[in-house]
């Protein structure tokens, strides 16, 4: 019962986080690992569980969707799918013991990207302007990362897109949710086929993540994004520190 409450609560929090600013996997992955799911399977199960919440968030933002000037959104979606597939295949061939060691470092990288990605994007935007072709290449690489691990991939997409367009972060949120769900849905198919998913724990995450994703997107417009990112960054840092301690102190 304690594990059920832990996982359900993690799904609710993660779905809300993903809808508002991203970073939900920083909660679901450690929660699944704490419930006894091996790291590699926890990563795959977390990805599968968060796909519905991403779709729910994309649906809630459907009236605000905008494309990108000079870049075909269909091509962006295709590259996200291909990249997600490549990342998922890479995870499938990664040994369990190796991934268990990689997890805390992947979380650390994602935590730093989430906390400072916007600032890095603003700094680069003053110095760099990329072409649509470069944007497409970046999207494929982000898709690979999203399929393999995915922590803070949403914030990375926003930072990369800001080098191509002057659109506001709010205007890019619907596209972020849609492309994030596209790469994760592709990875999900491969994770299911590869037998990586722990279904009981995943279904528990499903419910909480869908509820959190929809209401987070619905009420997220009323929340100051800057304050939300500070709170989420602090939570991400705590989760990362906990995973480092569990991995290397035992």
C-alpha atoms as a PDB file:
ATOM      1  CA  UNK A   1       0.000   0.000   0.000  1.00  0.00           C
ATOM      2  CA  UNK A   2       2.864   2.382   0.778  1.00  0.00           C
ATOM      3  CA  UNK A   3       4.371   1.716  -2.648  1.00  0.00           C
ATOM      4  CA  UNK A   4       1.005   2.325  -4.324  1.00  0.00           C
ATOM      5  CA  UNK A   5       0.583   5.678  -2.587  1.00  0.00           C
ATOM      6  CA  UNK A   6       4.185   6.639  -3.376  1.00  0.00           C
ATOM      7  CA  UNK A   7       3.844   5.828  -7.079  1.00  0.00           C
ATOM      8  CA  UNK A   8       0.369   7.358  -7.449  1.00  0.00           C
ATOM      9  CA  UNK A   9       1.506  10.554  -5.741  1.00  0.00           C
ATOM     10  CA  UNK A  10       4.609  10.690  -7.930  1.00  0.00           C
ATOM     11  CA  UNK A  11       2.432  10.356 -11.042  1.00  0.00           C
ATOM     12  CA  UNK A  12       0.165  13.198  -9.950  1.00  0.00           C
ATOM     13  CA  UNK A  13       3.102  15.491  -9.183  1.00  0.00           C
ATOM     14  CA  UNK A  14       4.958  14.530 -12.366  1.00  0.00           C
ATOM     15  CA  UNK A  15       1.960  15.105 -14.614  1.00  0.00           C
ATOM     16  CA  UNK A  16       1.456  18.547 -13.094  1.00  0.00           C
ATOM     17  CA  UNK A  17       5.150  19.401 -13.412  1.00  0.00           C
ATOM     18  CA  UNK A  18       5.282  18.341 -17.053  1.00  0.00           C
ATOM     19  CA  UNK A  19       2.257  20.444 -17.915  1.00  0.00           C
ATOM     20  CA  UNK A  20       3.599  23.575 -16.235  1.00  0.00           C
ATOM     21  CA  UNK A  21       7.332  23.473 -16.888  1.00  0.00           C
ATOM     22  CA  UNK A  22       8.572  19.880 -17.356  1.00  0.00           C
ATOM     23  CA  UNK A  23      10.805  17.659 -15.251  1.00  0.00           C
ATOM     24  CA  UNK A  24       8.234  15.035 -14.247  1.00  0.00           C
ATOM     25  CA  UNK A  25      10.610  12.112 -14.741  1.00  0.00           C
ATOM     26  CA  UNK A  26      12.759  13.480 -11.903  1.00  0.00           C
ATOM     27  CA  UNK A  27       9.923  12.406  -9.589  1.00  0.00           C
ATOM     28  CA  UNK A  28       8.657   9.229 -11.233  1.00  0.00           C
ATOM     29  CA  UNK A  29      12.035   7.579 -11.842  1.00  0.00           C
ATOM     30  CA  UNK A  30      13.286   7.830  -8.226  1.00  0.00           C
ATOM     31  CA  UNK A  31       9.812   6.840  -6.951  1.00  0.00           C
ATOM     32  CA  UNK A  32       9.780   3.669  -9.046  1.00  0.00           C
ATOM     33  CA  UNK A  33      13.332   2.833  -7.992  1.00  0.00           C
ATOM     34  CA  UNK A  34      12.381   3.390  -4.349  1.00  0.00           C
ATOM     35  CA  UNK A  35       9.486   0.960  -4.887  1.00  0.00           C
ATOM     36  CA  UNK A  36      11.960  -1.724  -5.964  1.00  0.00           C
ATOM     37  CA  UNK A  37      11.862  -1.410  -9.761  1.00  0.00           C
ATOM     38  CA  UNK A  38      15.339  -1.835 -11.378  1.00  0.00           C
ATOM     39  CA  UNK A  39      16.723   1.415 -12.789  1.00  0.00           C
ATOM     40  CA  UNK A  40      16.484   0.532 -16.483  1.00  0.00           C
ATOM     41  CA  UNK A  41      12.933  -0.795 -16.120  1.00  0.00           C
ATOM     42  CA  UNK A  42      11.991   2.202 -13.986  1.00  0.00           C
ATOM     43  CA  UNK A  43      13.154   4.545 -16.728  1.00  0.00           C
ATOM     44  CA  UNK A  44      11.152   2.677 -19.378  1.00  0.00           C
ATOM     45  CA  UNK A  45       8.060   2.401 -17.153  1.00  0.00           C
ATOM     46  CA  UNK A  46       8.255   6.106 -16.298  1.00  0.00           C
ATOM     47  CA  UNK A  47       8.377   7.005 -19.975  1.00  0.00           C
ATOM     48  CA  UNK A  48       5.370   4.809 -20.771  1.00  0.00           C
ATOM     49  CA  UNK A  49       3.358   6.163 -17.846  1.00  0.00           C
ATOM     50  CA  UNK A  50       3.945   9.821 -18.707  1.00  0.00           C
ATOM     51  CA  UNK A  51       2.860   9.583 -22.366  1.00  0.00           C
ATOM     52  CA  UNK A  52      -0.871   9.951 -21.575  1.00  0.00           C
ATOM     53  CA  UNK A  53      -0.242  13.015 -19.405  1.00  0.00           C
ATOM     54  CA  UNK A  54       1.791  14.617 -22.203  1.00  0.00           C
ATOM     55  CA  UNK A  55      -1.061  13.936 -24.639  1.00  0.00           C
ATOM     56  CA  UNK A  56      -3.565  15.336 -22.136  1.00  0.00           C
ATOM     57  CA  UNK A  57      -1.471  18.488 -21.786  1.00  0.00           C
ATOM     58  CA  UNK A  58      -1.137  18.829 -25.563  1.00  0.00           C
ATOM     59  CA  UNK A  59      -4.930  18.519 -25.855  1.00  0.00           C
ATOM     60  CA  UNK A  60      -5.460  21.178 -23.188  1.00  0.00           C
ATOM     61  CA  UNK A  61      -3.131  23.541 -25.089  1.00  0.00           C
ATOM     62  CA  UNK A  62      -4.641  22.680 -28.506  1.00  0.00           C
ATOM     63  CA  UNK A  63      -6.138  26.141 -29.097  1.00  0.00           C
ATOM     64  CA  UNK A  64      -2.767  27.848 -28.499  1.00  0.00           C
ATOM     65  CA  UNK A  65      -0.695  25.770 -30.940  1.00  0.00           C
ATOM     66  CA  UNK A  66       1.671  27.598 -33.318  1.00  0.00           C
ATOM     67  CA  UNK A  67       4.158  26.281 -35.877  1.00  0.00           C
ATOM     68  CA  UNK A  68       7.692  27.495 -36.574  1.00  0.00           C
ATOM     69  CA  UNK A  69       8.542  29.938 -39.324  1.00  0.00           C
ATOM     70  CA  UNK A  70      10.671  28.290 -42.007  1.00  0.00           C
ATOM     71  CA  UNK A  71      10.444  24.805 -40.481  1.00  0.00           C
ATOM     72  CA  UNK A  72       7.866  22.156 -41.316  1.00  0.00           C
ATOM     73  CA  UNK A  73       6.219  20.969 -38.124  1.00  0.00           C
ATOM     74  CA  UNK A  74       5.538  17.604 -39.765  1.00  0.00           C
ATOM     75  CA  UNK A  75       9.264  17.156 -40.357  1.00  0.00           C
ATOM     76  CA  UNK A  76       9.960  18.182 -36.750  1.00  0.00           C
ATOM     77  CA  UNK A  77       7.489  15.542 -35.587  1.00  0.00           C
ATOM     78  CA  UNK A  78       9.006  12.896 -37.871  1.00  0.00           C
ATOM     79  CA  UNK A  79      12.519  13.599 -36.595  1.00  0.00           C
ATOM     80  CA  UNK A  80      11.249  13.487 -33.002  1.00  0.00           C
ATOM     81  CA  UNK A  81       9.772  10.047 -33.694  1.00  0.00           C
ATOM     82  CA  UNK A  82      12.937   8.760 -35.384  1.00  0.00           C
ATOM     83  CA  UNK A  83      15.138  10.158 -32.646  1.00  0.00           C
ATOM     84  CA  UNK A  84      12.897   8.692 -29.959  1.00  0.00           C
ATOM     85  CA  UNK A  85      13.151   5.290 -31.633  1.00  0.00           C
ATOM     86  CA  UNK A  86      16.961   5.476 -31.778  1.00  0.00           C
ATOM     87  CA  UNK A  87      17.155   6.492 -28.113  1.00  0.00           C
ATOM     88  CA  UNK A  88      14.842   3.682 -27.072  1.00  0.00           C
ATOM     89  CA  UNK A  89      16.890   1.107 -29.007  1.00  0.00           C
ATOM     90  CA  UNK A  90      20.037   2.435 -27.342  1.00  0.00           C
ATOM     91  CA  UNK A  91      18.396   1.934 -23.945  1.00  0.00           C
ATOM     92  CA  UNK A  92      17.338  -1.592 -24.873  1.00  0.00           C
ATOM     93  CA  UNK A  93      20.966  -2.597 -25.513  1.00  0.00           C
ATOM     94  CA  UNK A  94      22.330  -0.883 -22.389  1.00  0.00           C
ATOM     95  CA  UNK A  95      23.158  -3.395 -19.609  1.00  0.00           C
ATOM     96  CA  UNK A  96      21.115  -2.996 -16.413  1.00  0.00           C
ATOM     97  CA  UNK A  97      24.255  -2.577 -14.290  1.00  0.00           C
ATOM     98  CA  UNK A  98      25.628   0.146 -16.560  1.00  0.00           C
ATOM     99  CA  UNK A  99      22.390   2.113 -16.615  1.00  0.00           C
ATOM    100  CA  UNK A 100      22.108   1.948 -12.814  1.00  0.00           C
ATOM    101  CA  UNK A 101      25.445   3.778 -12.604  1.00  0.00           C
ATOM    102  CA  UNK A 102      24.435   6.238 -15.334  1.00  0.00           C
ATOM    103  CA  UNK A 103      21.110   7.227 -13.725  1.00  0.00           C
ATOM    104  CA  UNK A 104      22.402   9.704 -11.114  1.00  0.00           C
ATOM    105  CA  UNK A 105      24.609  11.416 -13.711  1.00  0.00           C
ATOM    106  CA  UNK A 106      21.739  11.586 -16.205  1.00  0.00           C
ATOM    107  CA  UNK A 107      19.582  13.107 -13.472  1.00  0.00           C
ATOM    108  CA  UNK A 108      22.337  15.607 -12.646  1.00  0.00           C
ATOM    109  CA  UNK A 109      22.660  16.612 -16.304  1.00  0.00           C
ATOM    110  CA  UNK A 110      18.898  16.966 -16.600  1.00  0.00           C
ATOM    111  CA  UNK A 111      18.683  18.962 -13.367  1.00  0.00           C
ATOM    112  CA  UNK A 112      21.308  21.444 -14.573  1.00  0.00           C
ATOM    113  CA  UNK A 113      19.650  21.671 -17.992  1.00  0.00           C
ATOM    114  CA  UNK A 114      16.277  22.322 -16.388  1.00  0.00           C
ATOM    115  CA  UNK A 115      17.621  24.899 -13.938  1.00  0.00           C
ATOM    116  CA  UNK A 116      19.846  26.829 -16.354  1.00  0.00           C
ATOM    117  CA  UNK A 117      18.536  25.913 -19.821  1.00  0.00           C
ATOM    118  CA  UNK A 118      16.504  29.104 -20.199  1.00  0.00           C
ATOM    119  CA  UNK A 119      19.472  31.287 -19.187  1.00  0.00           C
ATOM    120  CA  UNK A 120      21.772  29.367 -21.515  1.00  0.00           C
ATOM    121  CA  UNK A 121      19.225  29.765 -24.319  1.00  0.00           C
ATOM    122  CA  UNK A 122      19.011  33.517 -23.742  1.00  0.00           C
ATOM    123  CA  UNK A 123      22.817  33.823 -23.680  1.00  0.00           C
ATOM    124  CA  UNK A 124      23.155  31.837 -26.903  1.00  0.00           C
ATOM    125  CA  UNK A 125      20.319  33.709 -28.598  1.00  0.00           C
ATOM    126  CA  UNK A 126      22.355  36.928 -28.326  1.00  0.00           C
ATOM    127  CA  UNK A 127      25.317  35.288 -30.045  1.00  0.00           C
ATOM    128  CA  UNK A 128      23.960  32.479 -32.211  1.00  0.00           C
ATOM    129  CA  UNK A 129      21.210  32.194 -34.794  1.00  0.00           C
ATOM    130  CA  UNK A 130      20.708  28.772 -36.318  1.00  0.00           C
ATOM    131  CA  UNK A 131      19.222  27.872 -39.680  1.00  0.00           C
ATOM    132  CA  UNK A 132      16.086  25.739 -40.105  1.00  0.00           C
ATOM    133  CA  UNK A 133      18.259  22.768 -41.194  1.00  0.00           C
ATOM    134  CA  UNK A 134      20.341  23.077 -38.041  1.00  0.00           C
ATOM    135  CA  UNK A 135      17.127  23.199 -36.041  1.00  0.00           C
ATOM    136  CA  UNK A 136      15.999  19.934 -37.606  1.00  0.00           C
ATOM    137  CA  UNK A 137      19.328  18.286 -36.727  1.00  0.00           C
ATOM    138  CA  UNK A 138      18.994  19.527 -33.144  1.00  0.00           C
ATOM    139  CA  UNK A 139      15.484  18.132 -32.942  1.00  0.00           C
ATOM    140  CA  UNK A 140      16.688  14.673 -33.977  1.00  0.00           C
ATOM    141  CA  UNK A 141      19.423  14.717 -31.301  1.00  0.00           C
ATOM    142  CA  UNK A 142      16.878  15.844 -28.714  1.00  0.00           C
ATOM    143  CA  UNK A 143      14.647  12.988 -29.843  1.00  0.00           C
ATOM    144  CA  UNK A 144      17.445  10.478 -29.205  1.00  0.00           C
ATOM    145  CA  UNK A 145      17.988  11.911 -25.722  1.00  0.00           C
ATOM    146  CA  UNK A 146      14.246  11.930 -25.097  1.00  0.00           C
ATOM    147  CA  UNK A 147      13.885   8.281 -26.097  1.00  0.00           C
ATOM    148  CA  UNK A 148      16.862   7.194 -23.996  1.00  0.00           C
ATOM    149  CA  UNK A 149      16.245   9.197 -20.817  1.00  0.00           C
ATOM    150  CA  UNK A 150      14.322  12.394 -21.451  1.00  0.00           C
ATOM    151  CA  UNK A 151      14.910  14.330 -18.231  1.00  0.00           C
ATOM    152  CA  UNK A 152      14.423  18.063 -19.001  1.00  0.00           C
ATOM    153  CA  UNK A 153      14.142  17.385 -22.745  1.00  0.00           C
ATOM    154  CA  UNK A 154      11.219  19.818 -22.853  1.00  0.00           C
ATOM    155  CA  UNK A 155      13.319  22.687 -21.518  1.00  0.00           C
ATOM    156  CA  UNK A 156      16.102  21.745 -23.950  1.00  0.00           C
ATOM    157  CA  UNK A 157      13.656  21.954 -26.846  1.00  0.00           C
ATOM    158  CA  UNK A 158      12.512  25.397 -25.751  1.00  0.00           C
ATOM    159  CA  UNK A 159      16.130  26.582 -25.446  1.00  0.00           C
ATOM    160  CA  UNK A 160      17.014  25.229 -28.899  1.00  0.00           C
ATOM    161  CA  UNK A 161      13.881  26.643 -30.543  1.00  0.00           C
ATOM    162  CA  UNK A 162      14.589  30.064 -29.073  1.00  0.00           C
ATOM    163  CA  UNK A 163      17.719  30.201 -31.290  1.00  0.00           C
ATOM    164  CA  UNK A 164      15.499  29.957 -34.369  1.00  0.00           C
ATOM    165  CA  UNK A 165      12.422  31.937 -33.458  1.00  0.00           C
ATOM    166  CA  UNK A 166      11.526  34.962 -31.364  1.00  0.00           C
ATOM    167  CA  UNK A 167       8.226  33.379 -30.299  1.00  0.00           C
ATOM    168  CA  UNK A 168       7.449  33.511 -26.598  1.00  0.00           C
ATOM    169  CA  UNK A 169       7.903  30.518 -24.327  1.00  0.00           C
ATOM    170  CA  UNK A 170       4.129  30.382 -23.843  1.00  0.00           C
ATOM    171  CA  UNK A 171       3.618  30.167 -27.595  1.00  0.00           C
ATOM    172  CA  UNK A 172       6.054  27.244 -27.841  1.00  0.00           C
ATOM    173  CA  UNK A 173       4.531  25.227 -24.984  1.00  0.00           C
ATOM    174  CA  UNK A 174       1.894  23.405 -27.094  1.00  0.00           C
ATOM    175  CA  UNK A 175       4.559  22.280 -29.592  1.00  0.00           C
ATOM    176  CA  UNK A 176       6.809  21.176 -26.721  1.00  0.00           C
ATOM    177  CA  UNK A 177       4.065  18.994 -25.284  1.00  0.00           C
ATOM    178  CA  UNK A 178       3.153  17.499 -28.656  1.00  0.00           C
ATOM    179  CA  UNK A 179       6.706  16.663 -29.785  1.00  0.00           C
ATOM    180  CA  UNK A 180       7.648  15.390 -26.336  1.00  0.00           C
ATOM    181  CA  UNK A 181       4.687  13.026 -26.426  1.00  0.00           C
ATOM    182  CA  UNK A 182       5.621  11.957 -29.995  1.00  0.00           C
ATOM    183  CA  UNK A 183       9.151  10.875 -29.049  1.00  0.00           C
ATOM    184  CA  UNK A 184       7.963   9.234 -25.839  1.00  0.00           C
ATOM    185  CA  UNK A 185       5.108   7.395 -27.567  1.00  0.00           C
ATOM    186  CA  UNK A 186       7.596   5.969 -30.065  1.00  0.00           C
ATOM    187  CA  UNK A 187       9.922   4.886 -27.262  1.00  0.00           C
ATOM    188  CA  UNK A 188       6.940   3.344 -25.482  1.00  0.00           C
ATOM    189  CA  UNK A 189       6.226   0.974 -28.372  1.00  0.00           C
ATOM    190  CA  UNK A 190       9.809  -0.294 -28.292  1.00  0.00           C
ATOM    191  CA  UNK A 191       9.925  -0.560 -24.508  1.00  0.00           C
ATOM    192  CA  UNK A 192       6.726  -2.627 -24.510  1.00  0.00           C
ATOM    193  CA  UNK A 193       8.049  -4.847 -27.310  1.00  0.00           C
ATOM    194  CA  UNK A 194      11.327  -5.260 -25.421  1.00  0.00           C
ATOM    195  CA  UNK A 195       9.594  -6.328 -22.204  1.00  0.00           C
ATOM    196  CA  UNK A 196      11.042  -3.510 -20.100  1.00  0.00           C
ATOM    197  CA  UNK A 197       7.784  -2.234 -18.609  1.00  0.00           C
ATOM    198  CA  UNK A 198       6.631  -3.106 -15.086  1.00  0.00           C
ATOM    199  CA  UNK A 199       2.913  -2.867 -15.792  1.00  0.00           C
ATOM    200  CA  UNK A 200       1.430  -2.779 -12.291  1.00  0.00           C
ATOM    201  CA  UNK A 201       3.546   0.196 -11.280  1.00  0.00           C
ATOM    202  CA  UNK A 202       3.051   1.828 -14.674  1.00  0.00           C
ATOM    203  CA  UNK A 203      -0.749   1.675 -14.465  1.00  0.00           C
ATOM    204  CA  UNK A 204      -0.629   3.273 -11.024  1.00  0.00           C
ATOM    205  CA  UNK A 205       1.429   6.115 -12.480  1.00  0.00           C
ATOM    206  CA  UNK A 206      -1.012   6.417 -15.412  1.00  0.00           C
ATOM    207  CA  UNK A 207      -3.942   7.649 -13.352  1.00  0.00           C
ATOM    208  CA  UNK A 208      -2.084  10.245 -11.328  1.00  0.00           C
ATOM    209  CA  UNK A 209      -0.123  11.526 -14.331  1.00  0.00           C
ATOM    210  CA  UNK A 210      -3.218  11.989 -16.513  1.00  0.00           C
ATOM    211  CA  UNK A 211      -5.040  13.926 -13.798  1.00  0.00           C
ATOM    212  CA  UNK A 212      -1.974  16.027 -13.006  1.00  0.00           C
ATOM    213  CA  UNK A 213      -1.219  16.631 -16.697  1.00  0.00           C
ATOM    214  CA  UNK A 214      -4.668  17.891 -17.603  1.00  0.00           C
ATOM    215  CA  UNK A 215      -5.257  20.104 -14.584  1.00  0.00           C
ATOM    216  CA  UNK A 216      -1.674  21.312 -14.601  1.00  0.00           C
ATOM    217  CA  UNK A 217      -2.123  22.501 -18.182  1.00  0.00           C
ATOM    218  CA  UNK A 218      -5.552  23.960 -17.405  1.00  0.00           C
ATOM    219  CA  UNK A 219      -4.414  25.973 -14.400  1.00  0.00           C
ATOM    220  CA  UNK A 220      -0.773  26.400 -15.431  1.00  0.00           C
ATOM    221  CA  UNK A 221      -1.519  29.685 -17.199  1.00  0.00           C
ATOM    222  CA  UNK A 222      -2.285  31.234 -13.799  1.00  0.00           C
ATOM    223  CA  UNK A 223       1.054  30.236 -12.265  1.00  0.00           C
ATOM    224  CA  UNK A 224       4.199  32.363 -12.566  1.00  0.00           C
ATOM    225  CA  UNK A 225       6.513  30.132 -14.692  1.00  0.00           C
ATOM    226  CA  UNK A 226       9.653  31.595 -13.113  1.00  0.00           C
ATOM    227  CA  UNK A 227       8.516  30.709  -9.591  1.00  0.00           C
ATOM    228  CA  UNK A 228       7.357  27.279 -10.739  1.00  0.00           C
ATOM    229  CA  UNK A 229      10.781  26.565 -12.263  1.00  0.00           C
ATOM    230  CA  UNK A 230      12.532  27.543  -9.024  1.00  0.00           C
ATOM    231  CA  UNK A 231      10.378  25.167  -6.996  1.00  0.00           C
ATOM    232  CA  UNK A 232      10.732  22.342  -9.529  1.00  0.00           C
ATOM    233  CA  UNK A 233      14.494  22.891  -9.817  1.00  0.00           C
ATOM    234  CA  UNK A 234      14.807  22.562  -6.050  1.00  0.00           C
ATOM    235  CA  UNK A 235      12.781  19.349  -6.097  1.00  0.00           C
ATOM    236  CA  UNK A 236      14.872  17.993  -8.984  1.00  0.00           C
ATOM    237  CA  UNK A 237      18.085  18.733  -7.083  1.00  0.00           C
ATOM    238  CA  UNK A 238      16.796  16.926  -3.993  1.00  0.00           C
ATOM    239  CA  UNK A 239      15.771  13.883  -6.026  1.00  0.00           C
ATOM    240  CA  UNK A 240      19.137  13.806  -7.806  1.00  0.00           C
ATOM    241  CA  UNK A 241      21.032  14.008  -4.522  1.00  0.00           C
ATOM    242  CA  UNK A 242      18.895  11.192  -3.101  1.00  0.00           C
ATOM    243  CA  UNK A 243      19.601   8.936  -6.092  1.00  0.00           C
ATOM    244  CA  UNK A 244      23.351   9.665  -5.862  1.00  0.00           C
ATOM    245  CA  UNK A 245      23.257   8.714  -2.189  1.00  0.00           C
ATOM    246  CA  UNK A 246      21.269   5.511  -2.799  1.00  0.00           C
ATOM    247  CA  UNK A 247      23.554   4.501  -5.681  1.00  0.00           C
ATOM    248  CA  UNK A 248      26.972   5.122  -4.176  1.00  0.00           C
ATOM    249  CA  UNK A 249      26.380   4.913  -0.416  1.00  0.00           C
ATOM    250  CA  UNK A 250      25.054   1.363  -0.531  1.00  0.00           C
END
